Protein backbone atom coordinates (compact mmCIF):
# COMPACT_ATOMS: atom_id res chain seq x y z
CA MET A 1 15.87 -13.82 -3.02
CA THR A 2 16.90 -13.07 0.54
CA PRO A 3 15.96 -10.19 2.87
CA GLY A 4 19.27 -8.60 1.91
CA ASP A 5 18.29 -8.72 -1.76
CA LEU A 6 15.25 -6.53 -1.07
CA VAL A 7 16.92 -3.15 -1.56
CA VAL A 8 13.60 -1.39 -0.91
CA ASP A 9 11.59 -2.49 2.12
CA PRO A 10 8.56 -4.34 0.64
CA TRP A 11 6.41 -3.59 3.70
CA PRO A 12 7.08 0.05 4.71
CA LEU A 13 3.47 0.94 5.58
CA LEU A 14 3.00 -2.20 7.65
CA ARG A 15 6.27 -1.55 9.45
CA ASN A 16 5.07 1.93 10.37
CA ARG A 17 1.97 0.39 11.96
CA SER A 18 3.73 -2.35 13.88
CA SER A 19 5.14 -2.20 17.39
CA ALA A 20 8.88 -2.60 17.78
CA SER A 21 8.23 -4.99 20.65
CA GLN A 22 5.46 -7.09 19.07
CA GLN A 23 5.47 -8.73 15.66
CA PHE A 24 2.26 -9.33 13.75
CA ALA A 25 0.81 -12.82 13.86
CA LEU A 26 0.29 -14.16 10.35
CA ARG A 27 -2.71 -16.14 9.12
CA MET A 28 -2.42 -17.45 5.57
CA VAL A 29 -5.59 -18.49 3.77
CA VAL A 30 -5.41 -21.27 1.16
CA HIS A 31 -8.05 -23.11 -0.79
CA GLY A 32 -7.33 -26.55 0.62
CA ARG A 33 -8.65 -29.86 -0.62
CA SER A 34 -11.81 -31.70 0.37
CA GLY A 35 -12.28 -31.84 4.13
CA GLY A 36 -9.70 -29.13 4.74
CA VAL A 37 -6.73 -31.31 3.76
CA VAL A 38 -3.64 -29.21 3.06
CA PRO A 39 -0.84 -30.45 0.74
CA ALA A 40 2.45 -31.29 2.41
CA CYS A 41 4.30 -28.49 0.60
CA LEU A 42 2.05 -25.92 2.31
CA SER A 43 2.38 -27.50 5.76
CA SER A 44 6.18 -27.62 5.52
CA PHE A 45 6.22 -24.05 4.21
CA VAL A 46 4.33 -22.86 7.28
CA ASP A 47 6.73 -24.75 9.56
CA ASP A 48 9.76 -23.16 7.89
CA LEU A 49 8.24 -19.69 8.01
CA GLN A 50 7.38 -20.14 11.69
CA GLY A 51 11.05 -20.85 12.31
CA LYS A 52 11.91 -17.43 10.89
CA ARG A 53 9.29 -15.42 12.82
CA SER A 54 8.82 -14.74 16.53
CA ALA A 55 5.03 -14.55 16.17
CA PRO A 56 2.43 -17.22 15.36
CA VAL A 57 2.08 -18.36 11.76
CA GLN A 58 -1.28 -19.99 11.06
CA LEU A 59 -2.82 -21.70 8.03
CA GLN A 60 -6.55 -21.62 7.32
CA ALA A 61 -8.05 -23.73 4.54
CA LEU A 62 -11.28 -22.49 2.97
CA THR A 63 -12.49 -26.08 2.82
CA ALA A 64 -11.95 -26.71 6.54
CA GLU A 65 -14.79 -26.51 9.06
CA GLU A 66 -12.63 -25.40 12.00
CA CYS A 67 -10.48 -22.26 12.12
CA PRO A 68 -7.29 -21.59 14.12
CA CYS A 69 -7.65 -19.77 17.43
CA VAL A 70 -7.38 -15.98 17.30
CA PRO A 71 -3.92 -14.93 18.54
CA ASP A 72 -3.62 -12.29 21.25
CA ARG A 73 -1.76 -9.76 19.05
CA PRO A 74 -2.35 -7.83 15.81
CA LEU A 75 -2.99 -10.17 12.90
CA LEU A 76 -2.04 -10.03 9.23
CA LEU A 77 -4.50 -11.91 7.02
CA LEU A 78 -2.73 -13.11 3.86
CA PRO A 79 -4.69 -14.80 1.05
CA LEU A 80 -2.28 -17.24 -0.63
CA LEU A 81 -4.48 -17.11 -3.72
CA LEU A 82 -3.27 -16.48 -7.26
CA TRP A 83 -6.45 -15.16 -8.86
CA PRO A 84 -8.97 -12.35 -8.23
CA GLY A 85 -11.87 -14.79 -8.04
CA ALA A 86 -14.70 -15.15 -5.54
CA HIS A 87 -12.39 -16.53 -2.85
CA ALA A 88 -10.18 -13.42 -2.90
CA ARG A 89 -13.04 -10.94 -3.37
CA ALA A 90 -15.69 -12.42 -1.07
CA ASP A 91 -14.57 -15.35 1.09
CA VAL A 92 -11.42 -13.78 2.52
CA PRO A 93 -13.12 -10.43 3.40
CA ALA A 94 -15.80 -12.51 5.17
CA ILE A 95 -13.04 -14.22 7.19
CA ARG A 96 -11.66 -10.79 8.10
CA GLN A 97 -15.11 -9.70 9.29
CA ARG A 98 -15.55 -12.81 11.45
CA LEU A 99 -12.12 -12.29 12.99
CA ARG A 100 -12.98 -8.69 13.84
CA ILE A 101 -16.25 -9.78 15.41
CA ASP A 102 -14.19 -12.18 17.54
CA GLY A 103 -12.10 -9.22 18.71
CA ALA A 104 -9.04 -9.62 16.50
CA ARG A 105 -7.10 -6.60 15.22
CA VAL A 106 -6.83 -7.57 11.57
CA THR A 107 -4.98 -6.09 8.61
CA MET A 108 -5.72 -7.86 5.32
CA LEU A 109 -2.98 -7.98 2.69
CA PRO A 110 -3.73 -8.17 -1.06
CA PHE A 111 -4.02 -11.70 -2.44
CA LEU A 112 -0.68 -13.22 -3.47
CA GLY A 113 -1.39 -12.94 -7.20
CA ALA A 114 -1.56 -9.15 -6.88
CA TRP A 115 2.11 -8.94 -5.80
CA PRO A 116 4.59 -7.94 -8.54
CA LEU A 117 7.42 -9.45 -6.47
CA TRP A 118 5.63 -12.81 -6.50
CA TRP A 119 5.25 -12.85 -10.27
CA GLY A 120 8.89 -11.84 -10.56
CA LEU A 121 9.80 -15.07 -8.76
CA VAL A 122 7.48 -17.07 -11.00
CA ALA A 123 8.81 -15.43 -14.18
CA SER A 124 12.40 -16.26 -13.27
CA SER A 125 11.48 -19.91 -12.76
CA ILE A 126 9.43 -20.10 -15.95
CA GLN A 127 12.31 -18.73 -18.02
CA ARG A 128 14.41 -21.71 -16.94
CA GLN A 129 11.70 -24.15 -18.03
CA LEU A 130 10.76 -22.70 -21.41
CA GLU A 131 10.56 -25.05 -24.37
CA PRO A 132 8.94 -24.68 -27.80
CA GLY A 133 5.18 -24.71 -27.34
CA SER A 134 5.23 -23.68 -23.67
CA VAL A 135 1.87 -22.41 -22.46
CA LEU A 136 0.72 -21.39 -18.98
CA VAL A 137 -2.32 -23.29 -17.73
CA HIS A 138 -4.54 -21.81 -15.03
CA HIS A 139 -7.58 -22.84 -13.04
CA PRO A 140 -10.86 -21.97 -14.84
CA LEU A 141 -12.14 -18.53 -13.81
CA ARG A 142 -15.35 -16.61 -14.34
CA GLU A 143 -15.43 -13.88 -16.95
CA GLY A 144 -14.97 -10.26 -15.90
CA VAL A 145 -12.23 -9.12 -13.56
CA ALA A 146 -10.31 -12.35 -14.10
CA ASP A 147 -10.19 -11.84 -17.89
CA ARG A 148 -8.47 -8.49 -17.53
CA PHE A 149 -6.10 -9.88 -14.92
CA LEU A 150 -5.16 -12.84 -17.12
CA ALA A 151 -4.62 -10.62 -20.18
CA MET A 152 -2.28 -8.39 -18.18
CA LEU A 153 -0.41 -11.39 -16.76
CA SER A 154 0.01 -12.96 -20.21
CA VAL A 155 1.63 -9.77 -21.47
CA SER A 156 3.82 -9.49 -18.38
CA LEU A 157 5.07 -13.10 -18.61
CA ASN A 158 5.18 -12.99 -22.43
CA LEU A 159 3.42 -16.36 -22.77
CA PRO A 160 -0.10 -17.46 -23.68
CA LEU A 161 -2.43 -18.46 -20.85
CA VAL A 162 -4.95 -21.27 -21.31
CA SER A 163 -7.72 -22.26 -18.91
CA PHE A 164 -7.46 -25.87 -17.76
CA ASP A 165 -10.90 -26.67 -19.17
CA CYS A 166 -9.63 -25.52 -22.60
CA TRP A 167 -6.33 -27.40 -22.36
CA PRO A 168 -7.50 -30.60 -24.18
CA GLU A 169 -8.62 -28.55 -27.18
CA HIS A 170 -5.40 -26.52 -27.16
CA GLN A 171 -3.36 -29.72 -26.99
CA THR A 172 -5.26 -31.16 -29.95
CA GLN A 173 -4.60 -28.04 -32.03
CA HIS A 174 -0.95 -27.70 -30.94
CA ALA A 175 0.80 -31.04 -30.91
CA ASP A 176 3.99 -29.56 -29.43
CA ALA A 177 2.20 -27.76 -26.58
CA ARG A 178 3.91 -28.08 -23.20
CA PRO A 179 1.86 -26.97 -20.19
CA ILE A 180 3.29 -25.05 -17.24
CA PRO A 181 0.66 -25.10 -14.48
CA LEU A 182 0.05 -21.90 -12.54
CA ALA A 183 -1.02 -23.45 -9.25
CA LEU A 184 0.50 -22.84 -5.85
CA ALA A 185 0.14 -26.40 -4.53
CA PRO A 186 -0.88 -29.82 -5.89
CA ASN A 187 -4.47 -30.10 -7.03
CA ARG A 188 -6.49 -32.01 -9.60
CA MET A 189 -5.17 -29.78 -12.38
CA THR A 190 -1.49 -30.32 -11.57
CA GLU A 191 -2.03 -34.05 -11.09
CA SER A 192 -3.65 -34.31 -14.50
CA LEU A 193 -0.95 -32.27 -16.22
CA ARG A 194 1.83 -34.33 -14.66
CA GLN A 195 0.68 -37.12 -16.97
CA VAL A 196 2.05 -35.06 -19.88
CA ASP A 197 5.30 -34.24 -18.02
CA ALA A 198 4.28 -30.79 -16.81
CA PRO A 199 6.44 -29.18 -14.10
CA PRO A 200 5.31 -29.42 -10.45
CA PRO A 201 3.20 -26.72 -8.80
CA LEU A 202 4.87 -23.43 -7.99
CA LEU A 203 5.52 -23.97 -4.29
CA GLU A 204 7.39 -27.19 -5.09
CA ASP A 205 9.90 -25.18 -7.14
CA PRO A 206 12.84 -24.60 -4.74
CA SER A 207 13.65 -21.09 -6.00
CA ILE A 208 10.04 -19.88 -5.83
CA ARG A 209 9.54 -21.46 -2.42
CA GLN A 210 12.68 -19.87 -0.98
CA GLY A 211 11.88 -16.49 -2.52
CA LEU A 212 8.38 -16.44 -1.02
CA LEU A 213 9.73 -17.64 2.30
CA ASP A 214 12.25 -14.79 2.39
CA LEU A 215 9.61 -12.25 1.39
CA LEU A 216 7.18 -13.31 4.11
CA ALA A 217 9.98 -13.47 6.67
CA CYS A 218 10.40 -9.72 6.08
CA LEU A 219 6.87 -8.99 7.30
CA PRO A 220 6.88 -6.93 10.51
């Protein structure tokens, strides 16, 4: 997907709020690994996106102790999170509040997993990888909002979804099961599933990466 492929502007309301002479700065929130370590695919993604935008592009890991400096311009806060868990519903709004206390003009976007365009990219990639027994494996989530979200996503992608903590049992019951991990970047789940020849995390898929890059490059 390229900006030209987006027949309808994906960000019309944001564009109405932006200044023609000043682009929004962009701060993307990710989970991160212990100590705030960010996988290389995320760091390189930020570098490539920065090359397409004339405003700062920042990355904030939830596991990091230090946060990037507040830019002197309006800021878009983007949770690069796939699930409506506590991080999306509590941690990111708390980051927005701290930024506002520090004087930032912040607009928070919905978490990435709430974007139909994102799941369209994922679905296209998954269709190319399908084999008998394919099943989508996700990070374990608490019951409630996540259950309804996962049920809807399973119908939309037309594949079963299995929590990673239930994967060993599923594998025992379905000898031909082939996992497709739903994770943005490498983590313990994707590393474990690679041992059974699972595909890499989503952001390491060239078509998904390029599609997301193009979509975020369209932000005002």
